Amino acid sequence: MKKLASVLMGVVLAIAVTACGKPEVKEEKAEAPKPEVANPYAVQVKVMEKAKDLKAESEKKLAEQMAREAALAREEAGQ
C-alpha cells in the first residue's frame, strides 16, 4: 500500500512539474541550416572529391612501393 502511494505521489509530482513548466528554460530559435546541409548534392560532390583524392594518394603510394621493390630486386640480381 505504501509503495502504491509513493508511486502515485511520484506520478502526481511528475504531472505537476510538467504542467507548470520550467521558467528558466527559454525557447531557442532554430538555426539556419548550413549550406552543405541545405544542398545534399554539394555534400555528395565533396565526398566524391575526397574519395578521388584518397584513391590517387593510395595509387601513388603503391607505385612508390613497387618502384622500391623493383629497385631492390635489381640490386639483389646484380650482386
N, C-alpha and C. Protein backbone atom coordinates (compact mmCIF):
# COMPACT_ATOMS: atom_id res chain seq x y z
N MET A 1 0.82 -1.19 0.00
CA MET A 1 0.00 0.00 0.00
C MET A 1 0.87 1.26 0.00
N LYS A 2 1.96 1.20 0.81
CA LYS A 2 2.86 2.35 0.86
C LYS A 2 3.56 2.54 -0.48
N LYS A 3 3.91 1.42 -1.13
CA LYS A 3 4.57 1.52 -2.43
C LYS A 3 3.64 2.14 -3.46
N LEU A 4 2.38 1.74 -3.42
CA LEU A 4 1.39 2.28 -4.35
C LEU A 4 1.22 3.78 -4.13
N ALA A 5 1.18 4.18 -2.86
CA ALA A 5 1.03 5.60 -2.54
C ALA A 5 2.24 6.39 -3.01
N SER A 6 3.44 5.83 -2.83
CA SER A 6 4.64 6.55 -3.25
C SER A 6 4.72 6.64 -4.78
N VAL A 7 4.29 5.60 -5.46
CA VAL A 7 4.28 5.63 -6.93
C VAL A 7 3.28 6.67 -7.41
N LEU A 8 2.10 6.71 -6.81
CA LEU A 8 1.09 7.69 -7.20
C LEU A 8 1.57 9.11 -6.93
N MET A 9 2.24 9.31 -5.80
CA MET A 9 2.76 10.64 -5.49
C MET A 9 3.83 11.05 -6.51
N GLY A 10 4.65 10.10 -6.92
CA GLY A 10 5.66 10.38 -7.94
C GLY A 10 5.02 10.77 -9.26
N VAL A 11 3.95 10.08 -9.63
CA VAL A 11 3.25 10.39 -10.87
C VAL A 11 2.62 11.77 -10.78
N VAL A 12 1.99 12.07 -9.64
CA VAL A 12 1.37 13.38 -9.45
C VAL A 12 2.43 14.48 -9.50
N LEU A 13 3.57 14.24 -8.88
CA LEU A 13 4.65 15.22 -8.89
C LEU A 13 5.17 15.44 -10.32
N ALA A 14 5.33 14.37 -11.06
CA ALA A 14 5.80 14.48 -12.45
C ALA A 14 4.81 15.27 -13.30
N ILE A 15 3.53 15.01 -13.11
CA ILE A 15 2.50 15.73 -13.87
C ILE A 15 2.50 17.20 -13.48
N ALA A 16 2.65 17.49 -12.19
CA ALA A 16 2.64 18.87 -11.73
C ALA A 16 3.84 19.64 -12.29
N VAL A 17 4.99 19.03 -12.28
CA VAL A 17 6.19 19.69 -12.81
C VAL A 17 6.04 19.92 -14.30
N THR A 18 5.51 18.94 -15.01
CA THR A 18 5.31 19.07 -16.45
C THR A 18 4.29 20.16 -16.76
N ALA A 19 3.23 20.21 -15.99
CA ALA A 19 2.18 21.20 -16.24
C ALA A 19 2.67 22.62 -15.96
N CYS A 20 3.48 22.79 -14.94
CA CYS A 20 3.96 24.12 -14.59
C CYS A 20 5.03 24.61 -15.55
N GLY A 21 5.81 23.71 -16.07
CA GLY A 21 6.89 24.10 -16.97
C GLY A 21 8.07 24.62 -16.19
N LYS A 22 9.14 24.85 -16.89
CA LYS A 22 10.35 25.36 -16.25
C LYS A 22 10.55 26.80 -16.73
N PRO A 23 10.45 27.78 -15.83
CA PRO A 23 10.54 29.17 -16.26
C PRO A 23 11.92 29.57 -16.78
N GLU A 24 13.02 28.94 -16.30
CA GLU A 24 14.34 29.36 -16.74
C GLU A 24 14.70 28.84 -18.13
N VAL A 25 13.96 27.88 -18.62
CA VAL A 25 14.23 27.35 -19.95
C VAL A 25 13.52 28.22 -20.97
N LYS A 26 14.30 28.83 -21.86
CA LYS A 26 13.72 29.67 -22.89
C LYS A 26 13.68 28.89 -24.20
N GLU A 27 12.72 29.22 -24.99
CA GLU A 27 12.58 28.55 -26.27
C GLU A 27 13.68 29.06 -27.20
N GLU A 28 14.48 28.13 -27.73
CA GLU A 28 15.58 28.52 -28.59
C GLU A 28 15.10 28.62 -30.03
N LYS A 29 15.65 29.59 -30.72
CA LYS A 29 15.30 29.76 -32.12
C LYS A 29 16.04 28.71 -32.94
N ALA A 30 15.40 28.25 -33.96
CA ALA A 30 16.03 27.27 -34.84
C ALA A 30 17.13 27.95 -35.65
N GLU A 31 18.27 27.30 -35.74
CA GLU A 31 19.38 27.86 -36.51
C GLU A 31 19.13 27.61 -38.00
N ALA A 32 19.64 28.50 -38.78
CA ALA A 32 19.53 28.32 -40.23
C ALA A 32 20.37 27.13 -40.64
N PRO A 33 19.89 26.32 -41.54
CA PRO A 33 20.67 25.15 -41.96
C PRO A 33 21.95 25.57 -42.66
N LYS A 34 22.99 24.80 -42.48
CA LYS A 34 24.26 25.09 -43.12
C LYS A 34 24.10 24.88 -44.63
N PRO A 35 24.87 25.59 -45.41
CA PRO A 35 24.73 25.46 -46.87
C PRO A 35 24.91 24.02 -47.36
N GLU A 36 25.84 23.26 -46.74
CA GLU A 36 26.04 21.89 -47.17
C GLU A 36 24.81 21.03 -46.88
N VAL A 37 24.19 21.30 -45.73
CA VAL A 37 23.01 20.52 -45.35
C VAL A 37 21.84 20.90 -46.24
N ALA A 38 21.75 22.16 -46.60
CA ALA A 38 20.65 22.61 -47.44
C ALA A 38 20.77 22.03 -48.85
N ASN A 39 21.99 21.75 -49.29
CA ASN A 39 22.20 21.21 -50.62
C ASN A 39 22.93 19.87 -50.52
N PRO A 40 22.20 18.77 -50.47
CA PRO A 40 22.85 17.46 -50.33
C PRO A 40 23.75 17.13 -51.52
N TYR A 41 23.48 17.71 -52.69
CA TYR A 41 24.34 17.46 -53.85
C TYR A 41 25.75 17.98 -53.60
N ALA A 42 25.86 19.14 -52.93
CA ALA A 42 27.17 19.71 -52.62
C ALA A 42 27.95 18.78 -51.70
N VAL A 43 27.26 18.18 -50.74
CA VAL A 43 27.91 17.24 -49.83
C VAL A 43 28.40 16.03 -50.61
N GLN A 44 27.57 15.53 -51.51
CA GLN A 44 27.94 14.36 -52.30
C GLN A 44 29.16 14.66 -53.17
N VAL A 45 29.20 15.84 -53.75
CA VAL A 45 30.34 16.22 -54.59
C VAL A 45 31.61 16.28 -53.74
N LYS A 46 31.53 16.85 -52.55
CA LYS A 46 32.70 16.93 -51.67
C LYS A 46 33.19 15.54 -51.30
N VAL A 47 32.26 14.64 -50.99
CA VAL A 47 32.64 13.27 -50.62
C VAL A 47 33.32 12.58 -51.80
N MET A 48 32.77 12.77 -52.99
CA MET A 48 33.36 12.14 -54.18
C MET A 48 34.75 12.70 -54.46
N GLU A 49 34.95 14.00 -54.27
CA GLU A 49 36.26 14.61 -54.48
C GLU A 49 37.27 14.06 -53.47
N LYS A 50 36.84 13.92 -52.23
CA LYS A 50 37.71 13.39 -51.19
C LYS A 50 38.08 11.94 -51.51
N ALA A 51 37.11 11.15 -51.97
CA ALA A 51 37.38 9.76 -52.33
C ALA A 51 38.37 9.69 -53.49
N LYS A 52 38.22 10.59 -54.46
CA LYS A 52 39.14 10.61 -55.61
C LYS A 52 40.55 10.95 -55.14
N ASP A 53 40.67 11.93 -54.23
CA ASP A 53 41.97 12.32 -53.71
C ASP A 53 42.62 11.16 -52.94
N LEU A 54 41.83 10.47 -52.13
CA LEU A 54 42.36 9.35 -51.36
C LEU A 54 42.81 8.22 -52.28
N LYS A 55 42.05 7.97 -53.34
CA LYS A 55 42.41 6.92 -54.28
C LYS A 55 43.71 7.27 -54.99
N ALA A 56 43.85 8.53 -55.42
CA ALA A 56 45.08 8.96 -56.09
C ALA A 56 46.28 8.83 -55.16
N GLU A 57 46.09 9.22 -53.90
CA GLU A 57 47.18 9.12 -52.93
C GLU A 57 47.56 7.66 -52.70
N SER A 58 46.57 6.79 -52.61
CA SER A 58 46.82 5.37 -52.42
C SER A 58 47.56 4.78 -53.61
N GLU A 59 47.15 5.15 -54.82
CA GLU A 59 47.83 4.65 -56.02
C GLU A 59 49.27 5.16 -56.08
N LYS A 60 49.49 6.39 -55.66
CA LYS A 60 50.84 6.95 -55.66
C LYS A 60 51.73 6.18 -54.69
N LYS A 61 51.21 5.89 -53.49
CA LYS A 61 51.99 5.14 -52.50
C LYS A 61 52.29 3.74 -53.01
N LEU A 62 51.32 3.11 -53.67
CA LEU A 62 51.52 1.77 -54.21
C LEU A 62 52.60 1.79 -55.29
N ALA A 63 52.56 2.79 -56.17
CA ALA A 63 53.57 2.91 -57.23
C ALA A 63 54.96 3.11 -56.63
N GLU A 64 55.06 3.93 -55.59
CA GLU A 64 56.35 4.15 -54.94
C GLU A 64 56.87 2.86 -54.32
N GLN A 65 55.98 2.11 -53.67
CA GLN A 65 56.37 0.86 -53.04
C GLN A 65 56.83 -0.15 -54.10
N MET A 66 56.12 -0.22 -55.21
CA MET A 66 56.51 -1.15 -56.28
C MET A 66 57.85 -0.75 -56.88
N ALA A 67 58.11 0.55 -57.01
CA ALA A 67 59.39 1.02 -57.53
C ALA A 67 60.53 0.66 -56.58
N ARG A 68 60.30 0.81 -55.28
CA ARG A 68 61.32 0.43 -54.30
C ARG A 68 61.61 -1.07 -54.37
N GLU A 69 60.54 -1.87 -54.47
CA GLU A 69 60.72 -3.32 -54.54
C GLU A 69 61.45 -3.72 -55.82
N ALA A 70 61.14 -3.06 -56.94
CA ALA A 70 61.82 -3.36 -58.20
C ALA A 70 63.30 -2.99 -58.11
N ALA A 71 63.60 -1.85 -57.52
CA ALA A 71 64.99 -1.42 -57.36
C ALA A 71 65.74 -2.40 -56.46
N LEU A 72 65.10 -2.86 -55.41
CA LEU A 72 65.71 -3.82 -54.51
C LEU A 72 65.96 -5.14 -55.23
N ALA A 73 65.01 -5.57 -56.04
CA ALA A 73 65.17 -6.81 -56.80
C ALA A 73 66.31 -6.69 -57.81
N ARG A 74 66.43 -5.53 -58.48
CA ARG A 74 67.53 -5.32 -59.43
C ARG A 74 68.87 -5.33 -58.71
N GLU A 75 68.88 -4.71 -57.53
CA GLU A 75 70.12 -4.67 -56.74
C GLU A 75 70.55 -6.06 -56.32
N GLU A 76 69.58 -6.87 -55.89
CA GLU A 76 69.90 -8.24 -55.48
C GLU A 76 70.33 -9.08 -56.68
N ALA A 77 69.73 -8.86 -57.83
CA ALA A 77 70.09 -9.62 -59.03
C ALA A 77 71.48 -9.23 -59.51
N GLY A 78 71.87 -7.99 -59.30
CA GLY A 78 73.18 -7.50 -59.74
C GLY A 78 74.32 -8.00 -58.88
N GLN A 79 74.05 -8.44 -57.70
CA GLN A 79 75.13 -8.87 -56.80
C GLN A 79 75.60 -10.21 -57.11
